[in-house]
Amino acid sequence: MPTIAKTADIQTVITTFEMTPGTCQDLLDALTAAYSEFISLQPGFIAAGLHVNDAQTRIANYSQWQRREDFLAMLRTPEMRQRNRKLNGLCRSFEPVMYDVADTFG
């Protein structure tokens, strides 16, 4: 379960994917497989969540890592590079961006 807290000393990565409604489920299936079969098993992985908009034209992925280097190491593995090529073929674009929690409410 992701923890969103200003005091948490973790790396947050938010990735947005843009696709057509026709490829949304395929992309969601590929992301789910990537997390269950590979990403969640990598050193430093904490948690992740996948969100789909109503129009099925965007997926937002929220993931947390112990360190920035853990996330970058996962991206550089041959398996993830291969999976990213498949993900790229299922969407118009995707962009992972690293964030620090500035504040929380509620």
PDB file of N, CA and C in Angstrom:
ATOM      1  N   MET A   1       0.851  -1.173   0.000  1.00  0.00           N
ATOM      2  CA  MET A   1       0.000   0.000   0.000  1.00  0.00           C
ATOM      3  C   MET A   1       0.895   1.234   0.000  1.00  0.00           C
ATOM      4  N   PRO A   2       0.718   2.138  -0.973  1.00  0.00           N
ATOM      5  CA  PRO A   2       1.521   3.363  -0.978  1.00  0.00           C
ATOM      6  C   PRO A   2       1.276   4.211   0.276  1.00  0.00           C
ATOM      7  N   THR A   3       2.334   4.837   0.740  1.00  0.00           N
ATOM      8  CA  THR A   3       2.254   5.773   1.850  1.00  0.00           C
ATOM      9  C   THR A   3       2.612   7.152   1.318  1.00  0.00           C
ATOM     10  N   ILE A   4       1.699   8.087   1.452  1.00  0.00           N
ATOM     11  CA  ILE A   4       1.965   9.444   0.980  1.00  0.00           C
ATOM     12  C   ILE A   4       2.135  10.322   2.209  1.00  0.00           C
ATOM     13  N   ALA A   5       3.372  10.690   2.479  1.00  0.00           N
ATOM     14  CA  ALA A   5       3.674  11.508   3.651  1.00  0.00           C
ATOM     15  C   ALA A   5       4.892  12.368   3.366  1.00  0.00           C
ATOM     16  N   LYS A   6       4.821  13.607   3.795  1.00  0.00           N
ATOM     17  CA  LYS A   6       5.924  14.539   3.587  1.00  0.00           C
ATOM     18  C   LYS A   6       7.184  14.058   4.296  1.00  0.00           C
ATOM     19  N   THR A   7       7.013  13.353   5.401  1.00  0.00           N
ATOM     20  CA  THR A   7       8.153  12.898   6.194  1.00  0.00           C
ATOM     21  C   THR A   7       8.750  11.595   5.681  1.00  0.00           C
ATOM     22  N   ALA A   8       8.100  10.939   4.755  1.00  0.00           N
ATOM     23  CA  ALA A   8       8.610   9.668   4.234  1.00  0.00           C
ATOM     24  C   ALA A   8       9.868   9.911   3.405  1.00  0.00           C
ATOM     25  N   ASP A   9      10.903   9.154   3.673  1.00  0.00           N
ATOM     26  CA  ASP A   9      12.171   9.279   2.952  1.00  0.00           C
ATOM     27  C   ASP A   9      12.211   8.235   1.842  1.00  0.00           C
ATOM     28  N   ILE A  10      11.373   8.447   0.822  1.00  0.00           N
ATOM     29  CA  ILE A  10      11.259   7.499  -0.282  1.00  0.00           C
ATOM     30  C   ILE A  10      11.204   8.269  -1.598  1.00  0.00           C
ATOM     31  N   GLN A  11      11.382   7.523  -2.685  1.00  0.00           N
ATOM     32  CA  GLN A  11      11.283   8.107  -4.022  1.00  0.00           C
ATOM     33  C   GLN A  11       9.911   7.802  -4.599  1.00  0.00           C
ATOM     34  N   THR A  12       9.184   8.821  -5.006  1.00  0.00           N
ATOM     35  CA  THR A  12       7.886   8.658  -5.638  1.00  0.00           C
ATOM     36  C   THR A  12       8.040   8.870  -7.137  1.00  0.00           C
ATOM     37  N   VAL A  13       7.441   7.960  -7.915  1.00  0.00           N
ATOM     38  CA  VAL A  13       7.464   8.082  -9.371  1.00  0.00           C
ATOM     39  C   VAL A  13       6.021   8.044  -9.858  1.00  0.00           C
ATOM     40  N   ILE A  14       5.639   9.062 -10.622  1.00  0.00           N
ATOM     41  CA  ILE A  14       4.312   9.085 -11.227  1.00  0.00           C
ATOM     42  C   ILE A  14       4.514   9.027 -12.742  1.00  0.00           C
ATOM     43  N   THR A  15       3.905   8.011 -13.358  1.00  0.00           N
ATOM     44  CA  THR A  15       4.026   7.818 -14.794  1.00  0.00           C
ATOM     45  C   THR A  15       2.640   7.934 -15.407  1.00  0.00           C
ATOM     46  N   THR A  16       2.523   8.731 -16.441  1.00  0.00           N
ATOM     47  CA  THR A  16       1.255   8.839 -17.150  1.00  0.00           C
ATOM     48  C   THR A  16       1.398   8.218 -18.536  1.00  0.00           C
ATOM     49  N   PHE A  17       0.385   7.469 -18.902  1.00  0.00           N
ATOM     50  CA  PHE A  17       0.327   6.800 -20.200  1.00  0.00           C
ATOM     51  C   PHE A  17      -0.864   7.363 -20.956  1.00  0.00           C
ATOM     52  N   GLU A  18      -0.680   7.673 -22.227  1.00  0.00           N
ATOM     53  CA  GLU A  18      -1.768   8.150 -23.068  1.00  0.00           C
ATOM     54  C   GLU A  18      -2.011   7.112 -24.153  1.00  0.00           C
ATOM     55  N   MET A  19      -3.280   6.675 -24.273  1.00  0.00           N
ATOM     56  CA  MET A  19      -3.601   5.639 -25.237  1.00  0.00           C
ATOM     57  C   MET A  19      -5.022   5.822 -25.748  1.00  0.00           C
ATOM     58  N   THR A  20      -5.455   4.960 -26.655  1.00  0.00           N
ATOM     59  CA  THR A  20      -6.834   4.972 -27.133  1.00  0.00           C
ATOM     60  C   THR A  20      -7.655   4.022 -26.265  1.00  0.00           C
ATOM     61  N   PRO A  21      -8.971   4.219 -26.228  1.00  0.00           N
ATOM     62  CA  PRO A  21      -9.800   3.289 -25.462  1.00  0.00           C
ATOM     63  C   PRO A  21      -9.629   1.840 -25.933  1.00  0.00           C
ATOM     64  N   GLY A  22      -9.307   1.654 -27.199  1.00  0.00           N
ATOM     65  CA  GLY A  22      -9.136   0.309 -27.744  1.00  0.00           C
ATOM     66  C   GLY A  22      -7.916  -0.428 -27.215  1.00  0.00           C
ATOM     67  N   THR A  23      -6.913   0.305 -26.745  1.00  0.00           N
ATOM     68  CA  THR A  23      -5.709  -0.357 -26.228  1.00  0.00           C
ATOM     69  C   THR A  23      -5.577  -0.236 -24.714  1.00  0.00           C
ATOM     70  N   CYS A  24      -6.532   0.420 -24.075  1.00  0.00           N
ATOM     71  CA  CYS A  24      -6.433   0.640 -22.631  1.00  0.00           C
ATOM     72  C   CYS A  24      -6.314  -0.669 -21.853  1.00  0.00           C
ATOM     73  N   GLN A  25      -7.202  -1.623 -22.116  1.00  0.00           N
ATOM     74  CA  GLN A  25      -7.169  -2.876 -21.354  1.00  0.00           C
ATOM     75  C   GLN A  25      -5.895  -3.660 -21.623  1.00  0.00           C
ATOM     76  N   ASP A  26      -5.425  -3.652 -22.871  1.00  0.00           N
ATOM     77  CA  ASP A  26      -4.167  -4.345 -23.195  1.00  0.00           C
ATOM     78  C   ASP A  26      -3.000  -3.732 -22.436  1.00  0.00           C
ATOM     79  N   LEU A  27      -2.972  -2.403 -22.382  1.00  0.00           N
ATOM     80  CA  LEU A  27      -1.909  -1.717 -21.656  1.00  0.00           C
ATOM     81  C   LEU A  27      -2.023  -1.990 -20.158  1.00  0.00           C
ATOM     82  N   LEU A  28      -3.231  -1.945 -19.629  1.00  0.00           N
ATOM     83  CA  LEU A  28      -3.435  -2.241 -18.217  1.00  0.00           C
ATOM     84  C   LEU A  28      -3.005  -3.663 -17.886  1.00  0.00           C
ATOM     85  N   ASP A  29      -3.322  -4.614 -18.747  1.00  0.00           N
ATOM     86  CA  ASP A  29      -2.893  -6.007 -18.544  1.00  0.00           C
ATOM     87  C   ASP A  29      -1.369  -6.117 -18.558  1.00  0.00           C
ATOM     88  N   ALA A  30      -0.722  -5.409 -19.491  1.00  0.00           N
ATOM     89  CA  ALA A  30       0.743  -5.462 -19.580  1.00  0.00           C
ATOM     90  C   ALA A  30       1.386  -4.831 -18.341  1.00  0.00           C
ATOM     91  N   LEU A  31       0.832  -3.732 -17.863  1.00  0.00           N
ATOM     92  CA  LEU A  31       1.365  -3.095 -16.654  1.00  0.00           C
ATOM     93  C   LEU A  31       1.155  -3.975 -15.425  1.00  0.00           C
ATOM     94  N   THR A  32      -0.021  -4.573 -15.319  1.00  0.00           N
ATOM     95  CA  THR A  32      -0.308  -5.470 -14.200  1.00  0.00           C
ATOM     96  C   THR A  32       0.661  -6.645 -14.199  1.00  0.00           C
ATOM     97  N   ALA A  33       0.906  -7.227 -15.364  1.00  0.00           N
ATOM     98  CA  ALA A  33       1.862  -8.330 -15.468  1.00  0.00           C
ATOM     99  C   ALA A  33       3.270  -7.878 -15.099  1.00  0.00           C
ATOM    100  N   ALA A  34       3.662  -6.695 -15.572  1.00  0.00           N
ATOM    101  CA  ALA A  34       5.002  -6.186 -15.258  1.00  0.00           C
ATOM    102  C   ALA A  34       5.184  -6.029 -13.755  1.00  0.00           C
ATOM    103  N   TYR A  35       4.168  -5.495 -13.079  1.00  0.00           N
ATOM    104  CA  TYR A  35       4.271  -5.328 -11.623  1.00  0.00           C
ATOM    105  C   TYR A  35       4.252  -6.660 -10.897  1.00  0.00           C
ATOM    106  N   SER A  36       3.345  -7.553 -11.266  1.00  0.00           N
ATOM    107  CA  SER A  36       3.231  -8.801 -10.518  1.00  0.00           C
ATOM    108  C   SER A  36       4.376  -9.768 -10.803  1.00  0.00           C
ATOM    109  N   GLU A  37       4.906  -9.762 -12.011  1.00  0.00           N
ATOM    110  CA  GLU A  37       5.938 -10.721 -12.396  1.00  0.00           C
ATOM    111  C   GLU A  37       7.366 -10.203 -12.226  1.00  0.00           C
ATOM    112  N   PHE A  38       7.548  -8.882 -12.227  1.00  0.00           N
ATOM    113  CA  PHE A  38       8.917  -8.371 -12.246  1.00  0.00           C
ATOM    114  C   PHE A  38       9.159  -7.165 -11.334  1.00  0.00           C
ATOM    115  N   ILE A  39       8.463  -6.069 -11.574  1.00  0.00           N
ATOM    116  CA  ILE A  39       8.784  -4.815 -10.886  1.00  0.00           C
ATOM    117  C   ILE A  39       8.690  -4.947  -9.372  1.00  0.00           C
ATOM    118  N   SER A  40       7.605  -5.562  -8.885  1.00  0.00           N
ATOM    119  CA  SER A  40       7.408  -5.657  -7.435  1.00  0.00           C
ATOM    120  C   SER A  40       8.448  -6.534  -6.753  1.00  0.00           C
ATOM    121  N   LEU A  41       9.202  -7.291  -7.515  1.00  0.00           N
ATOM    122  CA  LEU A  41      10.241  -8.163  -6.966  1.00  0.00           C
ATOM    123  C   LEU A  41      11.623  -7.511  -6.944  1.00  0.00           C
ATOM    124  N   GLN A  42      11.721  -6.296  -7.470  1.00  0.00           N
ATOM    125  CA  GLN A  42      13.011  -5.626  -7.581  1.00  0.00           C
ATOM    126  C   GLN A  42      13.425  -4.979  -6.255  1.00  0.00           C
ATOM    127  N   PRO A  43      14.738  -4.937  -6.002  1.00  0.00           N
ATOM    128  CA  PRO A  43      15.230  -4.300  -4.769  1.00  0.00           C
ATOM    129  C   PRO A  43      14.758  -2.851  -4.672  1.00  0.00           C
ATOM    130  N   GLY A  44      14.289  -2.480  -3.502  1.00  0.00           N
ATOM    131  CA  GLY A  44      13.874  -1.115  -3.251  1.00  0.00           C
ATOM    132  C   GLY A  44      12.421  -0.808  -3.554  1.00  0.00           C
ATOM    133  N   PHE A  45      11.710  -1.739  -4.208  1.00  0.00           N
ATOM    134  CA  PHE A  45      10.305  -1.501  -4.512  1.00  0.00           C
ATOM    135  C   PHE A  45       9.490  -1.494  -3.218  1.00  0.00           C
ATOM    136  N   ILE A  46       8.596  -0.507  -3.084  1.00  0.00           N
ATOM    137  CA  ILE A  46       7.732  -0.419  -1.906  1.00  0.00           C
ATOM    138  C   ILE A  46       6.289  -0.742  -2.271  1.00  0.00           C
ATOM    139  N   ALA A  47       5.710   0.016  -3.201  1.00  0.00           N
ATOM    140  CA  ALA A  47       4.303  -0.157  -3.540  1.00  0.00           C
ATOM    141  C   ALA A  47       3.997   0.591  -4.830  1.00  0.00           C
ATOM    142  N   ALA A  48       2.825   0.279  -5.402  1.00  0.00           N
ATOM    143  CA  ALA A  48       2.402   0.968  -6.620  1.00  0.00           C
ATOM    144  C   ALA A  48       0.890   0.891  -6.746  1.00  0.00           C
ATOM    145  N   GLY A  49       0.352   1.772  -7.570  1.00  0.00           N
ATOM    146  CA  GLY A  49      -1.068   1.766  -7.890  1.00  0.00           C
ATOM    147  C   GLY A  49      -1.271   2.181  -9.332  1.00  0.00           C
ATOM    148  N   LEU A  50      -2.299   1.624  -9.958  1.00  0.00           N
ATOM    149  CA  LEU A  50      -2.658   1.974 -11.329  1.00  0.00           C
ATOM    150  C   LEU A  50      -4.039   2.612 -11.321  1.00  0.00           C
ATOM    151  N   HIS A  51      -4.204   3.708 -12.038  1.00  0.00           N
ATOM    152  CA  HIS A  51      -5.460   4.440 -12.114  1.00  0.00           C
ATOM    153  C   HIS A  51      -5.820   4.641 -13.584  1.00  0.00           C
ATOM    154  N   VAL A  52      -7.088   4.425 -13.936  1.00  0.00           N
ATOM    155  CA  VAL A  52      -7.559   4.595 -15.309  1.00  0.00           C
ATOM    156  C   VAL A  52      -8.648   5.665 -15.321  1.00  0.00           C
ATOM    157  N   ASN A  53      -8.568   6.609 -16.276  1.00  0.00           N
ATOM    158  CA  ASN A  53      -9.615   7.628 -16.360  1.00  0.00           C
ATOM    159  C   ASN A  53     -10.879   7.041 -16.996  1.00  0.00           C
ATOM    160  N   ASP A  54     -12.000   7.754 -16.831  1.00  0.00           N
ATOM    161  CA  ASP A  54     -13.298   7.269 -17.323  1.00  0.00           C
ATOM    162  C   ASP A  54     -13.313   7.019 -18.826  1.00  0.00           C
ATOM    163  N   ALA A  55     -12.625   7.850 -19.585  1.00  0.00           N
ATOM    164  CA  ALA A  55     -12.620   7.724 -21.041  1.00  0.00           C
ATOM    165  C   ALA A  55     -11.684   6.619 -21.530  1.00  0.00           C
ATOM    166  N   GLN A  56     -10.932   6.027 -20.630  1.00  0.00           N
ATOM    167  CA  GLN A  56      -9.937   5.001 -20.949  1.00  0.00           C
ATOM    168  C   GLN A  56      -8.911   5.494 -21.966  1.00  0.00           C
ATOM    169  N   THR A  57      -8.487   6.752 -21.794  1.00  0.00           N
ATOM    170  CA  THR A  57      -7.466   7.329 -22.660  1.00  0.00           C
ATOM    171  C   THR A  57      -6.189   7.650 -21.892  1.00  0.00           C
ATOM    172  N   ARG A  58      -6.216   7.456 -20.569  1.00  0.00           N
ATOM    173  CA  ARG A  58      -5.036   7.715 -19.742  1.00  0.00           C
ATOM    174  C   ARG A  58      -4.967   6.721 -18.591  1.00  0.00           C
ATOM    175  N   ILE A  59      -3.757   6.304 -18.313  1.00  0.00           N
ATOM    176  CA  ILE A  59      -3.465   5.516 -17.119  1.00  0.00           C
ATOM    177  C   ILE A  59      -2.420   6.284 -16.338  1.00  0.00           C
ATOM    178  N   ALA A  60      -2.654   6.437 -15.047  1.00  0.00           N
ATOM    179  CA  ALA A  60      -1.665   7.044 -14.160  1.00  0.00           C
ATOM    180  C   ALA A  60      -1.139   5.944 -13.244  1.00  0.00           C
ATOM    181  N   ASN A  61       0.162   5.880 -13.142  1.00  0.00           N
ATOM    182  CA  ASN A  61       0.832   4.885 -12.314  1.00  0.00           C
ATOM    183  C   ASN A  61       1.617   5.609 -11.229  1.00  0.00           C
ATOM    184  N   TYR A  62       1.350   5.246  -9.983  1.00  0.00           N
ATOM    185  CA  TYR A  62       2.027   5.831  -8.831  1.00  0.00           C
ATOM    186  C   TYR A  62       2.862   4.726  -8.212  1.00  0.00           C
ATOM    187  N   SER A  63       4.176   4.912  -8.150  1.00  0.00           N
ATOM    188  CA  SER A  63       5.018   3.894  -7.515  1.00  0.00           C
ATOM    189  C   SER A  63       5.985   4.542  -6.529  1.00  0.00           C
ATOM    190  N   GLN A  64       6.379   3.754  -5.552  1.00  0.00           N
ATOM    191  CA  GLN A  64       7.306   4.226  -4.526  1.00  0.00           C
ATOM    192  C   GLN A  64       8.478   3.265  -4.413  1.00  0.00           C
ATOM    193  N   TRP A  65       9.645   3.863  -4.181  1.00  0.00           N
ATOM    194  CA  TRP A  65      10.903   3.134  -4.116  1.00  0.00           C
ATOM    195  C   TRP A  65      11.711   3.610  -2.919  1.00  0.00           C
ATOM    196  N   GLN A  66      12.533   2.743  -2.385  1.00  0.00           N
ATOM    197  CA  GLN A  66      13.396   3.124  -1.265  1.00  0.00           C
ATOM    198  C   GLN A  66      14.327   4.272  -1.668  1.00  0.00           C
ATOM    199  N   ARG A  67      14.906   4.143  -2.873  1.00  0.00           N
ATOM    200  CA  ARG A  67      15.864   5.151  -3.335  1.00  0.00           C
ATOM    201  C   ARG A  67      15.665   5.387  -4.830  1.00  0.00           C
ATOM    202  N   ARG A  68      16.033   6.542  -5.271  1.00  0.00           N
ATOM    203  CA  ARG A  68      16.002   6.882  -6.701  1.00  0.00           C
ATOM    204  C   ARG A  68      16.787   5.860  -7.521  1.00  0.00           C
ATOM    205  N   GLU A  69      17.938   5.460  -6.983  1.00  0.00           N
ATOM    206  CA  GLU A  69      18.810   4.512  -7.685  1.00  0.00           C
ATOM    207  C   GLU A  69      18.136   3.158  -7.885  1.00  0.00           C
ATOM    208  N   ASP A  70      17.260   2.756  -6.959  1.00  0.00           N
ATOM    209  CA  ASP A  70      16.551   1.478  -7.105  1.00  0.00           C
ATOM    210  C   ASP A  70      15.626   1.517  -8.320  1.00  0.00           C
ATOM    211  N   PHE A  71      14.893   2.606  -8.469  1.00  0.00           N
ATOM    212  CA  PHE A  71      14.004   2.758  -9.619  1.00  0.00           C
ATOM    213  C   PHE A  71      14.803   2.776 -10.921  1.00  0.00           C
ATOM    214  N   LEU A  72      15.878   3.543 -10.948  1.00  0.00           N
ATOM    215  CA  LEU A  72      16.693   3.632 -12.163  1.00  0.00           C
ATOM    216  C   LEU A  72      17.332   2.293 -12.508  1.00  0.00           C
ATOM    217  N   ALA A  73      17.769   1.540 -11.506  1.00  0.00           N
ATOM    218  CA  ALA A  73      18.359   0.215 -11.755  1.00  0.00           C
ATOM    219  C   ALA A  73      17.319  -0.727 -12.371  1.00  0.00           C
ATOM    220  N   MET A  74      16.089  -0.676 -11.875  1.00  0.00           N
ATOM    221  CA  MET A  74      15.022  -1.505 -12.432  1.00  0.00           C
ATOM    222  C   MET A  74      14.794  -1.153 -13.894  1.00  0.00           C
ATOM    223  N   LEU A  75      14.766   0.136 -14.223  1.00  0.00           N
ATOM    224  CA  LEU A  75      14.548   0.554 -15.613  1.00  0.00           C
ATOM    225  C   LEU A  75      15.640   0.058 -16.547  1.00  0.00           C
ATOM    226  N   ARG A  76      16.848  -0.089 -16.040  1.00  0.00           N
ATOM    227  CA  ARG A  76      18.000  -0.465 -16.879  1.00  0.00           C
ATOM    228  C   ARG A  76      18.120  -1.969 -17.103  1.00  0.00           C
ATOM    229  N   THR A  77      17.325  -2.779 -16.420  1.00  0.00           N
ATOM    230  CA  THR A  77      17.436  -4.227 -16.596  1.00  0.00           C
ATOM    231  C   THR A  77      16.981  -4.618 -18.004  1.00  0.00           C
ATOM    232  N   PRO A  78      17.568  -5.662 -18.571  1.00  0.00           N
ATOM    233  CA  PRO A  78      17.135  -6.109 -19.903  1.00  0.00           C
ATOM    234  C   PRO A  78      15.637  -6.444 -19.946  1.00  0.00           C
ATOM    235  N   GLU A  79      15.116  -7.068 -18.883  1.00  0.00           N
ATOM    236  CA  GLU A  79      13.692  -7.419 -18.883  1.00  0.00           C
ATOM    237  C   GLU A  79      12.804  -6.191 -18.927  1.00  0.00           C
ATOM    238  N   MET A  80      13.127  -5.165 -18.144  1.00  0.00           N
ATOM    239  CA  MET A  80      12.273  -3.971 -18.138  1.00  0.00           C
ATOM    240  C   MET A  80      12.421  -3.192 -19.430  1.00  0.00           C
ATOM    241  N   ARG A  81      13.602  -3.186 -20.001  1.00  0.00           N
ATOM    242  CA  ARG A  81      13.773  -2.516 -21.290  1.00  0.00           C
ATOM    243  C   ARG A  81      12.894  -3.182 -22.345  1.00  0.00           C
ATOM    244  N   GLN A  82      12.832  -4.525 -22.322  1.00  0.00           N
ATOM    245  CA  GLN A  82      11.976  -5.252 -23.254  1.00  0.00           C
ATOM    246  C   GLN A  82      10.500  -4.959 -22.984  1.00  0.00           C
ATOM    247  N   ARG A  83      10.108  -4.960 -21.712  1.00  0.00           N
ATOM    248  CA  ARG A  83       8.716  -4.660 -21.366  1.00  0.00           C
ATOM    249  C   ARG A  83       8.356  -3.227 -21.769  1.00  0.00           C
ATOM    250  N   ASN A  84       9.259  -2.280 -21.587  1.00  0.00           N
ATOM    251  CA  ASN A  84       8.974  -0.893 -21.962  1.00  0.00           C
ATOM    252  C   ASN A  84       8.775  -0.739 -23.465  1.00  0.00           C
ATOM    253  N   ARG A  85       9.483  -1.525 -24.253  1.00  0.00           N
ATOM    254  CA  ARG A  85       9.258  -1.483 -25.705  1.00  0.00           C
ATOM    255  C   ARG A  85       7.834  -1.940 -26.027  1.00  0.00           C
ATOM    256  N   LYS A  86       7.354  -2.982 -25.332  1.00  0.00           N
ATOM    257  CA  LYS A  86       5.981  -3.461 -25.536  1.00  0.00           C
ATOM    258  C   LYS A  86       4.980  -2.405 -25.074  1.00  0.00           C
ATOM    259  N   LEU A  87       5.222  -1.813 -23.896  1.00  0.00           N
ATOM    260  CA  LEU A  87       4.317  -0.775 -23.388  1.00  0.00           C
ATOM    261  C   LEU A  87       4.247   0.399 -24.360  1.00  0.00           C
ATOM    262  N   ASN A  88       5.394   0.789 -24.903  1.00  0.00           N
ATOM    263  CA  ASN A  88       5.453   1.900 -25.846  1.00  0.00           C
ATOM    264  C   ASN A  88       4.608   1.618 -27.082  1.00  0.00           C
ATOM    265  N   GLY A  89       4.548   0.356 -27.501  1.00  0.00           N
ATOM    266  CA  GLY A  89       3.743  -0.013 -28.661  1.00  0.00           C
ATOM    267  C   GLY A  89       2.248   0.027 -28.405  1.00  0.00           C
ATOM    268  N   LEU A  90       1.848   0.032 -27.133  1.00  0.00           N
ATOM    269  CA  LEU A  90       0.433   0.028 -26.771  1.00  0.00           C
ATOM    270  C   LEU A  90      -0.119   1.414 -26.459  1.00  0.00           C
ATOM    271  N   CYS A  91       0.750   2.426 -26.465  1.00  0.00           N
ATOM    272  CA  CYS A  91       0.271   3.764 -26.104  1.00  0.00           C
ATOM    273  C   CYS A  91       0.898   4.823 -27.002  1.00  0.00           C
ATOM    274  N   ARG A  92       0.311   6.006 -26.951  1.00  0.00           N
ATOM    275  CA  ARG A  92       0.868   7.132 -27.715  1.00  0.00           C
ATOM    276  C   ARG A  92       2.148   7.638 -27.065  1.00  0.00           C
ATOM    277  N   SER A  93       2.120   7.665 -25.732  1.00  0.00           N
ATOM    278  CA  SER A  93       3.294   8.144 -25.006  1.00  0.00           C
ATOM    279  C   SER A  93       3.204   7.717 -23.554  1.00  0.00           C
ATOM    280  N   PHE A  94       4.363   7.668 -22.910  1.00  0.00           N
ATOM    281  CA  PHE A  94       4.395   7.522 -21.462  1.00  0.00           C
ATOM    282  C   PHE A  94       5.637   8.195 -20.930  1.00  0.00           C
ATOM    283  N   GLU A  95       5.498   8.736 -19.726  1.00  0.00           N
ATOM    284  CA  GLU A  95       6.600   9.489 -19.144  1.00  0.00           C
ATOM    285  C   GLU A  95       6.649   9.287 -17.628  1.00  0.00           C
ATOM    286  N   PRO A  96       7.706   8.627 -17.143  1.00  0.00           N
ATOM    287  CA  PRO A  96       7.887   8.529 -15.688  1.00  0.00           C
ATOM    288  C   PRO A  96       8.596   9.781 -15.169  1.00  0.00           C
ATOM    289  N   VAL A  97       8.065  10.343 -14.077  1.00  0.00           N
ATOM    290  CA  VAL A  97       8.651  11.536 -13.481  1.00  0.00           C
ATOM    291  C   VAL A  97       8.807  11.294 -11.985  1.00  0.00           C
ATOM    292  N   MET A  98       9.992  11.612 -11.446  1.00  0.00           N
ATOM    293  CA  MET A  98      10.240  11.447 -10.025  1.00  0.00           C
ATOM    294  C   MET A  98       9.807  12.689  -9.264  1.00  0.00           C
ATOM    295  N   TYR A  99       9.140  12.457  -8.130  1.00  0.00           N
ATOM    296  CA  TYR A  99       8.598  13.558  -7.323  1.00  0.00           C
ATOM    297  C   TYR A  99       8.989  13.386  -5.861  1.00  0.00           C
ATOM    298  N   ASP A 100       9.024  14.501  -5.149  1.00  0.00           N
ATOM    299  CA  ASP A 100       9.091  14.519  -3.689  1.00  0.00           C
ATOM    300  C   ASP A 100       7.744  15.006  -3.197  1.00  0.00           C
ATOM    301  N   VAL A 101       7.245  14.442  -2.103  1.00  0.00           N
ATOM    302  CA  VAL A 101       5.977  14.889  -1.535  1.00  0.00           C
ATOM    303  C   VAL A 101       6.176  16.264  -0.921  1.00  0.00           C
ATOM    304  N   ALA A 102       5.434  17.249  -1.398  1.00  0.00           N
ATOM    305  CA  ALA A 102       5.535  18.613  -0.879  1.00  0.00           C
ATOM    306  C   ALA A 102       4.642  18.804   0.328  1.00  0.00           C
ATOM    307  N   ASP A 103       3.466  18.181   0.315  1.00  0.00           N
ATOM    308  CA  ASP A 103       2.547  18.289   1.444  1.00  0.00           C
ATOM    309  C   ASP A 103       1.417  17.310   1.251  1.00  0.00           C
ATOM    310  N   THR A 104       0.681  17.011   2.315  1.00  0.00           N
ATOM    311  CA  THR A 104      -0.492  16.152   2.244  1.00  0.00           C
ATOM    312  C   THR A 104      -1.618  16.804   3.021  1.00  0.00           C
ATOM    313  N   PHE A 105      -2.847  16.434   2.682  1.00  0.00           N
ATOM    314  CA  PHE A 105      -4.028  16.999   3.335  1.00  0.00           C
ATOM    315  C   PHE A 105      -5.038  15.888   3.583  1.00  0.00           C
ATOM    316  N   GLY A 106      -5.747  15.989   4.657  1.00  0.00           N
ATOM    317  CA  GLY A 106      -6.816  15.046   4.925  1.00  0.00           C
ATOM    318  C   GLY A 106      -6.462  13.966   5.894  1.00  0.00           C
TER     319      GLY A 106
END
